[in-house]
Amino acid sequence: MNFKKIFSVATAAFLFTSAAHAEDRFGVLAGIDINKLNGDVASTGSTTGFVGGLFAQRQYDGGLFGEVQLRYIEKGGSYTNGAIQTSASASYIEIPVYAKYKFGTESGFIPYVFGGPSFAVNINSSAEALDTATNQRTSFSDGGFNTFDLGLDFGVGAEYAVKDGINVSLSAAYNLGLLDVIAGAPNYTNRGFQFYAGVSMPY
């Protein structure tokens, strides 16, 4: 999988297919990700991390938009397998590609729904394991996460027109991980809720 190619193709498809529309927008976003590792054989807990980055929207027809994000996101979780309790975290560069539908684009308050795939590459990970039988802790600078992840995101939100073309927005999304993210372990996939605010302007 060539991550640079994915970003280049996605950006070109959404931003440069034809002349810009009145509601094409560019912006920044920041918020939190509440993530857990969903596993087959262990009980799991969640962790809270940061999410932030850039996004671009392209209007296609009425309230239908395409959106590409380029963001940094922190994921992870804790899981228990027998006497071993493990806490793991990973940082990703992630590219979600969404279809978004906005209701009432002519008004100042605009609710929306969105969904689509998210492609991620792991840039850093760590883990700590506790053997509850011996109370021995072991830390790993490499948390054993696989390099790539793929998920599906579904979300809702709303934006509000402030002034001079500037819009502020609030979004909430659920991420359903599709790939095993930890190498050499029972099947663990990312599951998480994301809450973030955005500021955008037309381009």
N, C-alpha and C. Protein backbone atom coordinates (compact mmCIF):
# COMPACT_ATOMS: atom_id res chain seq x y z
N MET A 1 0.85 -1.19 0.00
CA MET A 1 0.00 0.00 0.00
C MET A 1 0.89 1.24 0.00
N ASN A 2 0.72 2.13 -0.96
CA ASN A 2 1.49 3.37 -1.05
C ASN A 2 0.66 4.49 -0.46
N PHE A 3 1.03 4.94 0.76
CA PHE A 3 0.22 5.90 1.49
C PHE A 3 0.20 7.25 0.79
N LYS A 4 1.33 7.66 0.21
CA LYS A 4 1.36 8.94 -0.50
C LYS A 4 0.44 8.93 -1.71
N LYS A 5 0.36 7.78 -2.39
CA LYS A 5 -0.55 7.68 -3.55
C LYS A 5 -2.00 7.82 -3.12
N ILE A 6 -2.37 7.20 -1.99
CA ILE A 6 -3.74 7.30 -1.50
C ILE A 6 -4.11 8.75 -1.27
N PHE A 7 -3.22 9.49 -0.59
CA PHE A 7 -3.51 10.89 -0.31
C PHE A 7 -3.58 11.72 -1.58
N SER A 8 -2.67 11.48 -2.51
CA SER A 8 -2.65 12.25 -3.76
C SER A 8 -3.91 12.02 -4.58
N VAL A 9 -4.31 10.75 -4.70
CA VAL A 9 -5.50 10.43 -5.49
C VAL A 9 -6.76 10.99 -4.83
N ALA A 10 -6.87 10.82 -3.51
CA ALA A 10 -8.05 11.31 -2.80
C ALA A 10 -8.17 12.82 -2.90
N THR A 11 -7.05 13.52 -2.73
CA THR A 11 -7.07 14.98 -2.80
C THR A 11 -7.42 15.45 -4.19
N ALA A 12 -6.83 14.83 -5.20
CA ALA A 12 -7.12 15.24 -6.58
C ALA A 12 -8.58 15.01 -6.93
N ALA A 13 -9.13 13.88 -6.50
CA ALA A 13 -10.52 13.56 -6.84
C ALA A 13 -11.49 14.56 -6.25
N PHE A 14 -11.21 15.03 -5.04
CA PHE A 14 -12.16 15.91 -4.37
C PHE A 14 -11.92 17.39 -4.65
N LEU A 15 -10.69 17.78 -4.93
CA LEU A 15 -10.39 19.20 -5.00
C LEU A 15 -10.15 19.75 -6.39
N PHE A 16 -9.73 18.91 -7.33
CA PHE A 16 -9.29 19.45 -8.60
C PHE A 16 -10.02 18.87 -9.81
N THR A 17 -11.20 18.32 -9.60
CA THR A 17 -11.91 17.72 -10.72
C THR A 17 -12.52 18.75 -11.64
N SER A 18 -12.87 19.93 -11.12
CA SER A 18 -13.44 21.00 -11.94
C SER A 18 -13.34 22.31 -11.19
N ALA A 19 -13.93 23.37 -11.75
CA ALA A 19 -13.86 24.68 -11.12
C ALA A 19 -14.53 24.65 -9.75
N ALA A 20 -14.04 25.50 -8.84
CA ALA A 20 -14.54 25.52 -7.47
C ALA A 20 -15.98 26.01 -7.41
N HIS A 21 -16.75 25.47 -6.46
CA HIS A 21 -18.11 25.90 -6.20
C HIS A 21 -18.10 26.90 -5.03
N ALA A 22 -19.24 27.55 -4.82
CA ALA A 22 -19.32 28.58 -3.79
C ALA A 22 -19.10 28.02 -2.40
N GLU A 23 -19.44 26.75 -2.18
CA GLU A 23 -19.34 26.18 -0.85
C GLU A 23 -18.14 25.26 -0.67
N ASP A 24 -17.18 25.25 -1.58
CA ASP A 24 -15.94 24.52 -1.36
C ASP A 24 -15.18 25.20 -0.23
N ARG A 25 -14.69 24.40 0.74
CA ARG A 25 -14.11 25.00 1.94
C ARG A 25 -12.83 24.28 2.34
N PHE A 26 -11.98 25.00 3.09
CA PHE A 26 -10.74 24.48 3.64
C PHE A 26 -10.68 24.88 5.10
N GLY A 27 -10.19 23.97 5.98
CA GLY A 27 -10.19 24.32 7.39
C GLY A 27 -9.26 23.48 8.25
N VAL A 28 -9.32 23.74 9.55
CA VAL A 28 -8.53 23.01 10.55
C VAL A 28 -9.49 22.40 11.56
N LEU A 29 -9.06 21.31 12.20
CA LEU A 29 -9.88 20.64 13.21
C LEU A 29 -9.02 20.18 14.37
N ALA A 30 -9.63 20.06 15.55
CA ALA A 30 -8.93 19.55 16.73
C ALA A 30 -9.96 19.00 17.71
N GLY A 31 -9.57 17.94 18.43
CA GLY A 31 -10.48 17.36 19.40
C GLY A 31 -9.88 16.16 20.08
N ILE A 32 -10.72 15.22 20.50
CA ILE A 32 -10.27 14.04 21.22
C ILE A 32 -10.78 12.76 20.55
N ASP A 33 -10.04 11.68 20.78
CA ASP A 33 -10.43 10.35 20.32
C ASP A 33 -10.48 9.42 21.53
N ILE A 34 -11.62 8.80 21.78
CA ILE A 34 -11.77 7.83 22.86
C ILE A 34 -11.78 6.45 22.22
N ASN A 35 -10.69 5.71 22.38
CA ASN A 35 -10.47 4.49 21.60
C ASN A 35 -10.29 3.28 22.51
N LYS A 36 -10.69 2.12 22.02
CA LYS A 36 -10.40 0.87 22.69
C LYS A 36 -9.96 -0.16 21.66
N LEU A 37 -9.25 -1.17 22.13
CA LEU A 37 -8.83 -2.28 21.28
C LEU A 37 -9.83 -3.40 21.47
N ASN A 38 -10.58 -3.69 20.43
CA ASN A 38 -11.62 -4.71 20.49
C ASN A 38 -11.00 -6.06 20.16
N GLY A 39 -10.96 -6.98 21.15
CA GLY A 39 -10.28 -8.25 20.96
C GLY A 39 -11.18 -9.45 21.11
N ASP A 40 -10.66 -10.59 20.65
CA ASP A 40 -11.42 -11.84 20.68
C ASP A 40 -11.39 -12.53 22.04
N VAL A 41 -10.27 -12.41 22.76
CA VAL A 41 -10.09 -13.28 23.93
C VAL A 41 -9.84 -12.52 25.22
N ALA A 42 -9.93 -11.21 25.23
CA ALA A 42 -9.58 -10.47 26.42
C ALA A 42 -10.57 -9.35 26.70
N SER A 43 -10.67 -8.97 27.98
CA SER A 43 -11.44 -7.78 28.33
C SER A 43 -10.60 -6.55 28.00
N THR A 44 -11.25 -5.48 27.56
CA THR A 44 -10.52 -4.30 27.10
C THR A 44 -11.04 -3.04 27.76
N GLY A 45 -10.18 -2.02 27.80
CA GLY A 45 -10.54 -0.70 28.30
C GLY A 45 -10.13 0.36 27.30
N SER A 46 -10.62 1.58 27.51
CA SER A 46 -10.39 2.65 26.54
C SER A 46 -9.31 3.61 27.00
N THR A 47 -8.77 4.37 26.03
CA THR A 47 -7.84 5.46 26.30
C THR A 47 -8.33 6.70 25.55
N THR A 48 -7.91 7.86 26.01
CA THR A 48 -8.28 9.12 25.37
C THR A 48 -7.05 9.78 24.79
N GLY A 49 -7.12 10.16 23.51
CA GLY A 49 -6.00 10.79 22.84
C GLY A 49 -6.42 12.01 22.04
N PHE A 50 -5.45 12.66 21.46
CA PHE A 50 -5.66 13.89 20.68
C PHE A 50 -5.88 13.56 19.21
N VAL A 51 -6.72 14.37 18.56
CA VAL A 51 -6.85 14.31 17.10
C VAL A 51 -6.85 15.73 16.58
N GLY A 52 -6.10 15.98 15.50
CA GLY A 52 -6.05 17.32 14.93
C GLY A 52 -5.47 17.28 13.53
N GLY A 53 -5.89 18.23 12.69
CA GLY A 53 -5.36 18.26 11.34
C GLY A 53 -6.07 19.26 10.45
N LEU A 54 -6.05 18.97 9.16
CA LEU A 54 -6.61 19.82 8.12
C LEU A 54 -7.72 19.08 7.38
N PHE A 55 -8.63 19.84 6.77
CA PHE A 55 -9.64 19.20 5.93
C PHE A 55 -10.01 20.12 4.78
N ALA A 56 -10.50 19.49 3.71
CA ALA A 56 -11.00 20.23 2.54
C ALA A 56 -12.32 19.61 2.11
N GLN A 57 -13.28 20.46 1.78
CA GLN A 57 -14.60 20.02 1.33
C GLN A 57 -14.86 20.50 -0.09
N ARG A 58 -15.55 19.65 -0.84
CA ARG A 58 -15.96 20.03 -2.20
C ARG A 58 -17.44 19.76 -2.36
N GLN A 59 -18.17 20.75 -2.84
CA GLN A 59 -19.60 20.60 -3.07
C GLN A 59 -19.84 19.98 -4.43
N TYR A 60 -20.73 18.97 -4.48
CA TYR A 60 -21.04 18.30 -5.73
C TYR A 60 -22.44 18.64 -6.24
N ASP A 61 -23.45 18.48 -5.40
CA ASP A 61 -24.82 18.74 -5.87
C ASP A 61 -25.69 19.06 -4.67
N GLY A 62 -26.19 20.28 -4.59
CA GLY A 62 -27.03 20.66 -3.46
C GLY A 62 -26.30 20.51 -2.15
N GLY A 63 -26.83 19.63 -1.28
CA GLY A 63 -26.21 19.43 0.02
C GLY A 63 -25.16 18.35 0.05
N LEU A 64 -24.83 17.73 -1.09
CA LEU A 64 -23.85 16.65 -1.13
C LEU A 64 -22.44 17.20 -1.27
N PHE A 65 -21.56 16.78 -0.35
CA PHE A 65 -20.17 17.23 -0.34
C PHE A 65 -19.24 16.02 -0.26
N GLY A 66 -18.03 16.20 -0.71
CA GLY A 66 -16.94 15.27 -0.44
C GLY A 66 -15.97 15.97 0.51
N GLU A 67 -15.37 15.21 1.41
CA GLU A 67 -14.41 15.79 2.35
C GLU A 67 -13.21 14.87 2.50
N VAL A 68 -12.02 15.46 2.46
CA VAL A 68 -10.78 14.74 2.73
C VAL A 68 -10.12 15.39 3.93
N GLN A 69 -9.67 14.58 4.89
CA GLN A 69 -8.94 15.08 6.04
C GLN A 69 -7.52 14.52 6.03
N LEU A 70 -6.60 15.29 6.55
CA LEU A 70 -5.24 14.83 6.82
C LEU A 70 -4.98 15.16 8.27
N ARG A 71 -4.86 14.14 9.13
CA ARG A 71 -4.81 14.43 10.56
C ARG A 71 -3.89 13.49 11.32
N TYR A 72 -3.45 13.98 12.46
CA TYR A 72 -2.71 13.20 13.44
C TYR A 72 -3.70 12.72 14.50
N ILE A 73 -3.63 11.45 14.85
CA ILE A 73 -4.59 10.91 15.82
C ILE A 73 -3.90 9.89 16.73
N GLU A 74 -4.25 9.93 18.01
CA GLU A 74 -3.70 9.00 19.00
C GLU A 74 -4.76 7.97 19.36
N LYS A 75 -4.39 6.70 19.21
CA LYS A 75 -5.30 5.60 19.53
C LYS A 75 -4.60 4.63 20.49
N GLY A 76 -5.36 3.66 20.94
CA GLY A 76 -4.78 2.67 21.84
C GLY A 76 -5.86 2.04 22.69
N GLY A 77 -5.43 1.48 23.82
CA GLY A 77 -6.37 0.83 24.72
C GLY A 77 -5.64 -0.06 25.69
N SER A 78 -6.39 -0.67 26.57
CA SER A 78 -5.83 -1.65 27.51
C SER A 78 -6.58 -2.96 27.34
N TYR A 79 -5.87 -4.05 27.57
CA TYR A 79 -6.52 -5.35 27.46
C TYR A 79 -5.89 -6.33 28.43
N THR A 80 -6.68 -7.31 28.85
CA THR A 80 -6.25 -8.31 29.82
C THR A 80 -6.37 -9.69 29.21
N ASN A 81 -5.29 -10.44 29.31
CA ASN A 81 -5.27 -11.81 28.80
C ASN A 81 -4.67 -12.70 29.89
N GLY A 82 -5.52 -13.41 30.62
CA GLY A 82 -5.04 -14.19 31.75
C GLY A 82 -4.53 -13.27 32.85
N ALA A 83 -3.29 -13.49 33.29
CA ALA A 83 -2.70 -12.67 34.35
C ALA A 83 -2.01 -11.42 33.81
N ILE A 84 -1.97 -11.27 32.49
CA ILE A 84 -1.23 -10.17 31.88
C ILE A 84 -2.17 -9.02 31.53
N GLN A 85 -1.89 -7.85 32.10
CA GLN A 85 -2.62 -6.63 31.78
C GLN A 85 -1.72 -5.73 30.94
N THR A 86 -2.19 -5.34 29.77
CA THR A 86 -1.37 -4.56 28.85
C THR A 86 -2.06 -3.25 28.51
N SER A 87 -1.28 -2.17 28.53
CA SER A 87 -1.75 -0.86 28.09
C SER A 87 -0.90 -0.47 26.88
N ALA A 88 -1.56 -0.15 25.77
CA ALA A 88 -0.85 0.13 24.52
C ALA A 88 -1.37 1.42 23.90
N SER A 89 -0.48 2.14 23.21
CA SER A 89 -0.88 3.36 22.52
C SER A 89 -0.14 3.46 21.20
N ALA A 90 -0.78 4.10 20.23
CA ALA A 90 -0.18 4.28 18.91
C ALA A 90 -0.59 5.63 18.35
N SER A 91 0.34 6.27 17.65
CA SER A 91 0.06 7.53 16.95
C SER A 91 0.02 7.26 15.46
N TYR A 92 -0.99 7.82 14.80
CA TYR A 92 -1.18 7.58 13.37
C TYR A 92 -1.26 8.90 12.61
N ILE A 93 -0.84 8.86 11.36
CA ILE A 93 -1.24 9.85 10.37
C ILE A 93 -2.39 9.21 9.60
N GLU A 94 -3.53 9.88 9.60
CA GLU A 94 -4.76 9.27 9.08
C GLU A 94 -5.38 10.15 8.00
N ILE A 95 -5.93 9.50 6.97
CA ILE A 95 -6.61 10.19 5.88
C ILE A 95 -8.03 9.63 5.75
N PRO A 96 -9.02 10.27 6.35
CA PRO A 96 -10.41 9.90 6.11
C PRO A 96 -10.91 10.53 4.80
N VAL A 97 -11.73 9.80 4.07
CA VAL A 97 -12.35 10.28 2.83
C VAL A 97 -13.85 10.10 3.00
N TYR A 98 -14.56 11.21 3.16
CA TYR A 98 -15.97 11.16 3.53
C TYR A 98 -16.90 11.65 2.42
N ALA A 99 -18.09 11.06 2.39
CA ALA A 99 -19.24 11.67 1.73
C ALA A 99 -20.04 12.35 2.84
N LYS A 100 -20.39 13.61 2.62
CA LYS A 100 -21.08 14.41 3.65
C LYS A 100 -22.33 15.03 3.05
N TYR A 101 -23.42 14.97 3.80
CA TYR A 101 -24.64 15.63 3.34
C TYR A 101 -25.04 16.69 4.36
N LYS A 102 -25.16 17.94 3.86
CA LYS A 102 -25.55 19.07 4.70
C LYS A 102 -27.02 19.41 4.45
N PHE A 103 -27.74 19.65 5.54
CA PHE A 103 -29.16 19.99 5.45
C PHE A 103 -29.32 21.51 5.61
N GLY A 104 -29.96 22.14 4.63
CA GLY A 104 -30.20 23.57 4.73
C GLY A 104 -28.96 24.40 4.53
N THR A 105 -28.29 24.23 3.39
CA THR A 105 -27.03 24.93 3.15
C THR A 105 -27.20 26.43 2.98
N GLU A 106 -28.43 26.91 2.82
CA GLU A 106 -28.66 28.35 2.67
C GLU A 106 -28.85 29.05 4.01
N SER A 107 -28.95 28.30 5.09
CA SER A 107 -29.18 28.90 6.40
C SER A 107 -27.86 29.08 7.15
N GLY A 108 -27.91 29.79 8.27
CA GLY A 108 -26.71 30.00 9.06
C GLY A 108 -26.33 28.80 9.90
N PHE A 109 -27.31 27.96 10.27
CA PHE A 109 -27.07 26.75 11.05
C PHE A 109 -27.27 25.55 10.15
N ILE A 110 -26.23 24.71 10.01
CA ILE A 110 -26.24 23.64 9.01
C ILE A 110 -25.90 22.30 9.66
N PRO A 111 -26.87 21.45 9.99
CA PRO A 111 -26.57 20.10 10.45
C PRO A 111 -26.13 19.21 9.29
N TYR A 112 -25.37 18.14 9.60
CA TYR A 112 -24.90 17.25 8.55
C TYR A 112 -24.65 15.85 9.08
N VAL A 113 -24.61 14.91 8.15
CA VAL A 113 -24.19 13.53 8.42
C VAL A 113 -23.06 13.20 7.46
N PHE A 114 -22.19 12.26 7.85
CA PHE A 114 -21.08 11.91 6.98
C PHE A 114 -20.62 10.48 7.25
N GLY A 115 -19.88 9.93 6.31
CA GLY A 115 -19.34 8.59 6.47
C GLY A 115 -18.37 8.26 5.35
N GLY A 116 -17.50 7.28 5.62
CA GLY A 116 -16.54 6.85 4.62
C GLY A 116 -15.35 6.15 5.23
N PRO A 117 -14.41 5.70 4.39
CA PRO A 117 -13.24 4.99 4.88
C PRO A 117 -12.18 5.93 5.44
N SER A 118 -11.35 5.39 6.32
CA SER A 118 -10.20 6.13 6.83
C SER A 118 -8.97 5.23 6.71
N PHE A 119 -7.91 5.79 6.13
CA PHE A 119 -6.65 5.08 5.92
C PHE A 119 -5.61 5.65 6.88
N ALA A 120 -4.87 4.79 7.59
CA ALA A 120 -3.94 5.27 8.61
C ALA A 120 -2.61 4.54 8.53
N VAL A 121 -1.53 5.27 8.86
CA VAL A 121 -0.20 4.68 8.97
C VAL A 121 0.34 4.98 10.37
N ASN A 122 0.84 3.96 11.03
CA ASN A 122 1.37 4.07 12.38
C ASN A 122 2.75 4.73 12.34
N ILE A 123 2.93 5.82 13.11
CA ILE A 123 4.23 6.51 13.14
C ILE A 123 4.95 6.32 14.47
N ASN A 124 4.23 5.85 15.50
CA ASN A 124 4.88 5.63 16.79
C ASN A 124 3.95 4.80 17.67
N SER A 125 4.53 3.91 18.47
CA SER A 125 3.70 3.11 19.37
C SER A 125 4.52 2.67 20.58
N SER A 126 3.83 2.38 21.67
CA SER A 126 4.47 1.89 22.88
C SER A 126 3.48 1.04 23.66
N ALA A 127 4.01 0.25 24.60
CA ALA A 127 3.14 -0.62 25.40
C ALA A 127 3.81 -0.92 26.73
N GLU A 128 2.98 -1.23 27.72
CA GLU A 128 3.47 -1.66 29.02
C GLU A 128 2.63 -2.84 29.48
N ALA A 129 3.30 -3.92 29.89
CA ALA A 129 2.61 -5.13 30.34
C ALA A 129 2.87 -5.35 31.83
N LEU A 130 1.82 -5.71 32.55
CA LEU A 130 1.93 -6.03 33.97
C LEU A 130 1.49 -7.47 34.19
N ASP A 131 2.40 -8.26 34.76
CA ASP A 131 2.07 -9.63 35.16
C ASP A 131 1.52 -9.56 36.58
N THR A 132 0.21 -9.71 36.73
CA THR A 132 -0.40 -9.56 38.05
C THR A 132 -0.02 -10.69 39.00
N ALA A 133 0.48 -11.80 38.47
CA ALA A 133 0.89 -12.91 39.33
C ALA A 133 2.21 -12.61 40.03
N THR A 134 3.11 -11.87 39.35
CA THR A 134 4.43 -11.57 39.91
C THR A 134 4.63 -10.08 40.18
N ASN A 135 3.67 -9.25 39.76
CA ASN A 135 3.75 -7.79 39.87
C ASN A 135 4.95 -7.22 39.09
N GLN A 136 5.34 -7.89 38.03
CA GLN A 136 6.46 -7.44 37.21
C GLN A 136 5.93 -6.65 36.01
N ARG A 137 6.55 -5.47 35.78
CA ARG A 137 6.17 -4.62 34.65
C ARG A 137 7.24 -4.67 33.57
N THR A 138 6.80 -4.69 32.32
CA THR A 138 7.70 -4.67 31.17
C THR A 138 7.22 -3.61 30.19
N SER A 139 8.14 -2.72 29.80
CA SER A 139 7.80 -1.66 28.86
C SER A 139 8.41 -1.94 27.50
N PHE A 140 7.70 -1.54 26.46
CA PHE A 140 8.15 -1.73 25.08
C PHE A 140 8.06 -0.39 24.36
N SER A 141 9.19 0.08 23.82
CA SER A 141 9.16 1.33 23.06
C SER A 141 8.42 1.15 21.75
N ASP A 142 8.47 -0.07 21.20
CA ASP A 142 7.67 -0.43 20.04
C ASP A 142 6.51 -1.27 20.54
N GLY A 143 5.31 -0.72 20.44
CA GLY A 143 4.15 -1.41 21.00
C GLY A 143 3.67 -2.60 20.22
N GLY A 144 4.34 -2.93 19.10
CA GLY A 144 3.95 -4.09 18.31
C GLY A 144 2.79 -3.85 17.38
N PHE A 145 2.44 -2.57 17.14
CA PHE A 145 1.33 -2.28 16.24
C PHE A 145 1.75 -2.49 14.79
N ASN A 146 0.83 -2.97 13.99
CA ASN A 146 1.07 -3.08 12.55
C ASN A 146 1.17 -1.68 11.93
N THR A 147 1.79 -1.62 10.76
CA THR A 147 2.06 -0.33 10.13
C THR A 147 0.80 0.36 9.65
N PHE A 148 -0.14 -0.39 9.07
CA PHE A 148 -1.31 0.23 8.45
C PHE A 148 -2.60 -0.17 9.17
N ASP A 149 -3.56 0.72 9.10
CA ASP A 149 -4.90 0.43 9.60
C ASP A 149 -5.93 0.98 8.62
N LEU A 150 -7.08 0.36 8.60
CA LEU A 150 -8.18 0.76 7.74
C LEU A 150 -9.46 0.68 8.55
N GLY A 151 -10.30 1.70 8.44
CA GLY A 151 -11.55 1.70 9.18
C GLY A 151 -12.67 2.36 8.41
N LEU A 152 -13.86 2.30 8.98
CA LEU A 152 -15.03 3.01 8.46
C LEU A 152 -15.51 3.97 9.53
N ASP A 153 -15.75 5.22 9.14
CA ASP A 153 -16.22 6.25 10.06
C ASP A 153 -17.66 6.63 9.72
N PHE A 154 -18.46 6.87 10.75
CA PHE A 154 -19.83 7.34 10.59
C PHE A 154 -20.05 8.45 11.60
N GLY A 155 -20.61 9.59 11.17
CA GLY A 155 -20.74 10.68 12.11
C GLY A 155 -21.84 11.66 11.80
N VAL A 156 -22.05 12.57 12.75
CA VAL A 156 -23.01 13.65 12.63
C VAL A 156 -22.35 14.92 13.14
N GLY A 157 -22.94 16.05 12.80
CA GLY A 157 -22.41 17.31 13.29
C GLY A 157 -23.23 18.48 12.80
N ALA A 158 -22.72 19.66 13.07
CA ALA A 158 -23.38 20.88 12.62
C ALA A 158 -22.34 21.97 12.49
N GLU A 159 -22.57 22.89 11.56
CA GLU A 159 -21.71 24.05 11.44
C GLU A 159 -22.55 25.32 11.45
N TYR A 160 -21.89 26.40 11.85
CA TYR A 160 -22.58 27.67 11.99
C TYR A 160 -21.77 28.75 11.30
N ALA A 161 -22.45 29.53 10.46
CA ALA A 161 -21.79 30.62 9.74
C ALA A 161 -21.57 31.78 10.70
N VAL A 162 -20.32 32.16 10.91
CA VAL A 162 -19.99 33.23 11.85
C VAL A 162 -20.03 34.58 11.14
N LYS A 163 -19.07 34.82 10.24
CA LYS A 163 -19.07 36.04 9.43
C LYS A 163 -17.99 35.94 8.37
N ASP A 164 -18.15 36.71 7.30
CA ASP A 164 -17.16 36.81 6.23
C ASP A 164 -16.74 35.44 5.70
N GLY A 165 -17.69 34.51 5.59
CA GLY A 165 -17.40 33.19 5.05
C GLY A 165 -16.80 32.21 6.04
N ILE A 166 -16.54 32.63 7.28
CA ILE A 166 -15.96 31.75 8.29
C ILE A 166 -17.06 30.93 8.96
N ASN A 167 -16.89 29.61 8.96
CA ASN A 167 -17.82 28.70 9.63
C ASN A 167 -17.11 27.96 10.75
N VAL A 168 -17.81 27.73 11.85
CA VAL A 168 -17.30 26.87 12.92
C VAL A 168 -18.18 25.62 12.96
N SER A 169 -17.61 24.49 13.35
CA SER A 169 -18.35 23.23 13.32
C SER A 169 -18.00 22.36 14.51
N LEU A 170 -18.92 21.48 14.86
CA LEU A 170 -18.71 20.44 15.86
C LEU A 170 -19.13 19.11 15.26
N SER A 171 -18.28 18.09 15.40
CA SER A 171 -18.55 16.77 14.81
C SER A 171 -18.34 15.67 15.84
N ALA A 172 -19.13 14.61 15.71
CA ALA A 172 -18.97 13.40 16.51
C ALA A 172 -19.01 12.21 15.56
N ALA A 173 -18.03 11.30 15.68
CA ALA A 173 -17.95 10.18 14.75
C ALA A 173 -17.59 8.90 15.49
N TYR A 174 -17.99 7.78 14.90
CA TYR A 174 -17.61 6.45 15.40
C TYR A 174 -16.71 5.80 14.38
N ASN A 175 -15.57 5.27 14.85
CA ASN A 175 -14.62 4.58 13.97
C ASN A 175 -14.70 3.08 14.21
N LEU A 176 -14.95 2.34 13.14
CA LEU A 176 -15.01 0.88 13.17
C LEU A 176 -13.77 0.35 12.46
N GLY A 177 -12.78 -0.11 13.23
CA GLY A 177 -11.56 -0.64 12.64
C GLY A 177 -11.80 -1.97 11.94
N LEU A 178 -11.15 -2.14 10.79
CA LEU A 178 -11.35 -3.35 9.98
C LEU A 178 -10.15 -4.28 9.98
N LEU A 179 -8.98 -3.80 10.39
CA LEU A 179 -7.76 -4.61 10.32
C LEU A 179 -7.23 -4.91 11.72
N ASP A 180 -6.57 -6.07 11.84
CA ASP A 180 -5.85 -6.42 13.06
C ASP A 180 -4.70 -5.43 13.23
N VAL A 181 -4.63 -4.74 14.38
CA VAL A 181 -3.63 -3.68 14.53
C VAL A 181 -2.40 -4.09 15.33
N ILE A 182 -2.43 -5.23 16.02
CA ILE A 182 -1.28 -5.65 16.82
C ILE A 182 -0.70 -6.92 16.24
N ALA A 183 0.58 -6.86 15.88
CA ALA A 183 1.26 -8.00 15.25
C ALA A 183 1.47 -9.12 16.27
N GLY A 184 1.23 -10.36 15.84
CA GLY A 184 1.53 -11.52 16.65
C GLY A 184 0.65 -11.71 17.86
N ALA A 185 -0.52 -11.05 17.89
CA ALA A 185 -1.44 -11.17 19.02
C ALA A 185 -2.80 -11.63 18.52
N PRO A 186 -3.67 -12.06 19.43
CA PRO A 186 -5.04 -12.35 19.00
C PRO A 186 -5.64 -11.13 18.31
N ASN A 187 -6.68 -11.34 17.57
CA ASN A 187 -7.24 -10.28 16.73
C ASN A 187 -7.72 -9.09 17.56
N TYR A 188 -7.06 -7.93 17.38
CA TYR A 188 -7.48 -6.68 18.02
C TYR A 188 -7.68 -5.63 16.95
N THR A 189 -8.81 -4.97 16.98
CA THR A 189 -9.11 -3.89 16.04
C THR A 189 -9.45 -2.62 16.81
N ASN A 190 -9.21 -1.48 16.18
CA ASN A 190 -9.55 -0.20 16.80
C ASN A 190 -11.05 0.05 16.77
N ARG A 191 -11.56 0.56 17.87
CA ARG A 191 -12.94 1.04 17.97
C ARG A 191 -12.88 2.36 18.73
N GLY A 192 -13.57 3.38 18.23
CA GLY A 192 -13.46 4.63 18.94
C GLY A 192 -14.49 5.67 18.57
N PHE A 193 -14.67 6.62 19.49
CA PHE A 193 -15.51 7.79 19.26
C PHE A 193 -14.62 9.02 19.18
N GLN A 194 -14.89 9.85 18.19
CA GLN A 194 -14.11 11.07 17.98
C GLN A 194 -15.04 12.27 18.12
N PHE A 195 -14.56 13.28 18.84
CA PHE A 195 -15.29 14.53 19.03
C PHE A 195 -14.34 15.67 18.71
N TYR A 196 -14.69 16.49 17.72
CA TYR A 196 -13.76 17.56 17.36
C TYR A 196 -14.49 18.79 16.83
N ALA A 197 -13.81 19.93 16.97
CA ALA A 197 -14.31 21.20 16.46
C ALA A 197 -13.49 21.60 15.24
N GLY A 198 -14.11 22.37 14.36
CA GLY A 198 -13.42 22.81 13.16
C GLY A 198 -13.73 24.27 12.84
N VAL A 199 -12.82 24.89 12.11
CA VAL A 199 -13.01 26.24 11.58
C VAL A 199 -12.66 26.18 10.11
N SER A 200 -13.54 26.71 9.25
CA SER A 200 -13.31 26.61 7.81
C SER A 200 -13.62 27.93 7.12
N MET A 201 -13.06 28.06 5.91
CA MET A 201 -13.30 29.23 5.08
C MET A 201 -13.39 28.78 3.63
N PRO A 202 -14.05 29.54 2.77
CA PRO A 202 -14.14 29.16 1.35
C PRO A 202 -12.81 29.33 0.65
N TYR A 203 -12.60 28.55 -0.42
CA TYR A 203 -11.40 28.73 -1.25
C TYR A 203 -11.80 28.79 -2.71
